[in-house]
C-alpha atoms as a PDB file:
ATOM      1  CA  MET A   1      29.178 -20.481   2.163  1.00  0.00           C
ATOM      2  CA  SER A   2      29.152 -22.402  -1.017  1.00  0.00           C
ATOM      3  CA  VAL A   3      26.025 -22.963  -3.065  1.00  0.00           C
ATOM      4  CA  LYS A   4      25.877 -26.003  -5.671  1.00  0.00           C
ATOM      5  CA  PHE A   5      23.428 -26.296  -8.379  1.00  0.00           C
ATOM      6  CA  SER A   6      22.903 -29.548 -10.384  1.00  0.00           C
ATOM      7  CA  GLU A   7      22.588 -29.482 -14.064  1.00  0.00           C
ATOM      8  CA  ASP A   8      18.699 -29.665 -13.770  1.00  0.00           C
ATOM      9  CA  VAL A   9      18.330 -26.314 -11.937  1.00  0.00           C
ATOM     10  CA  VAL A  10      17.463 -23.369 -14.109  1.00  0.00           C
ATOM     11  CA  ALA A  11      16.900 -19.701 -12.713  1.00  0.00           C
ATOM     12  CA  ILE A  12      14.968 -17.038 -14.851  1.00  0.00           C
ATOM     13  CA  VAL A  13      15.273 -13.389 -13.464  1.00  0.00           C
ATOM     14  CA  GLN A  14      12.168 -11.363 -14.666  1.00  0.00           C
ATOM     15  CA  GLY A  15      11.222  -7.618 -13.771  1.00  0.00           C
ATOM     16  CA  LEU A  16       8.048  -7.042 -11.919  1.00  0.00           C
ATOM     17  CA  ALA A  17       6.224  -5.534 -14.621  1.00  0.00           C
ATOM     18  CA  ASP A  18       7.042  -8.408 -16.790  1.00  0.00           C
ATOM     19  CA  TYR A  19       6.045 -10.865 -14.266  1.00  0.00           C
ATOM     20  CA  GLU A  20       2.710  -9.235 -13.649  1.00  0.00           C
ATOM     21  CA  LYS A  21       2.111  -8.941 -17.677  1.00  0.00           C
ATOM     22  CA  THR A  22       2.763 -12.689 -17.602  1.00  0.00           C
ATOM     23  CA  ILE A  23       0.348 -13.464 -14.927  1.00  0.00           C
ATOM     24  CA  GLU A  24      -2.494 -11.310 -16.500  1.00  0.00           C
ATOM     25  CA  GLU A  25      -1.958 -13.103 -19.828  1.00  0.00           C
ATOM     26  CA  LEU A  26      -2.214 -16.427 -18.125  1.00  0.00           C
ATOM     27  CA  GLN A  27      -5.243 -15.616 -16.486  1.00  0.00           C
ATOM     28  CA  PHE A  28      -6.593 -14.378 -19.843  1.00  0.00           C
ATOM     29  CA  VAL A  29      -5.953 -17.782 -21.427  1.00  0.00           C
ATOM     30  CA  ARG A  30      -7.358 -19.659 -18.621  1.00  0.00           C
ATOM     31  CA  ALA A  31     -10.470 -17.772 -18.721  1.00  0.00           C
ATOM     32  CA  VAL A  32     -10.912 -18.049 -22.394  1.00  0.00           C
ATOM     33  CA  ALA A  33     -10.277 -21.825 -22.085  1.00  0.00           C
ATOM     34  CA  GLN A  34     -12.847 -22.323 -19.285  1.00  0.00           C
ATOM     35  CA  GLY A  35     -15.343 -20.280 -21.528  1.00  0.00           C
ATOM     36  CA  LEU A  36     -14.667 -22.517 -24.447  1.00  0.00           C
ATOM     37  CA  ALA A  37     -15.029 -25.714 -22.096  1.00  0.00           C
ATOM     38  CA  ASP A  38     -18.530 -24.161 -20.781  1.00  0.00           C
ATOM     39  CA  ALA A  39     -19.700 -23.635 -24.419  1.00  0.00           C
ATOM     40  CA  ARG A  40     -18.742 -27.246 -25.407  1.00  0.00           C
ATOM     41  CA  GLU A  41     -20.763 -28.541 -22.374  1.00  0.00           C
ATOM     42  CA  GLY A  42     -23.789 -26.305 -23.353  1.00  0.00           C
ATOM     43  CA  ASN A  43     -23.492 -23.814 -20.537  1.00  0.00           C
ATOM     44  CA  VAL A  44     -24.445 -21.116 -22.579  1.00  0.00           C
ATOM     45  CA  LEU A  45     -26.988 -18.051 -22.407  1.00  0.00           C
ATOM     46  CA  SER A  46     -28.670 -16.247 -24.999  1.00  0.00           C
ATOM     47  CA  VAL A  47     -28.072 -12.390 -25.278  1.00  0.00           C
ATOM     48  CA  ALA A  48     -31.359 -11.808 -23.985  1.00  0.00           C
ATOM     49  CA  GLU A  49     -30.988 -14.152 -20.842  1.00  0.00           C
ATOM     50  CA  ALA A  50     -27.428 -12.598 -20.426  1.00  0.00           C
ATOM     51  CA  LYS A  51     -28.880  -8.993 -20.249  1.00  0.00           C
ATOM     52  CA  LYS A  52     -31.767 -10.120 -18.003  1.00  0.00           C
ATOM     53  CA  ASN A  53     -29.300 -11.665 -15.544  1.00  0.00           C
ATOM     54  CA  LEU A  54     -27.170  -8.421 -15.525  1.00  0.00           C
ATOM     55  CA  GLY A  55     -30.287  -6.281 -15.128  1.00  0.00           C
ATOM     56  CA  LEU A  56     -29.795  -4.510 -18.556  1.00  0.00           C
ATOM     57  CA  ASP A  57     -33.386  -5.685 -20.090  1.00  0.00           C
END
């Protein structure tokens, strides 16, 4: 059996721990970006409102 790769194909081998860390970091960056977008759109709460919503008042 012969496998041929074109010049456009790139393979990256990454250990499971590194992969999981990369995914976690990507999820964090996405969450921060979503939070910033929400703030720009005015979707914000005061600390008092947040505490009330969380039952911490």
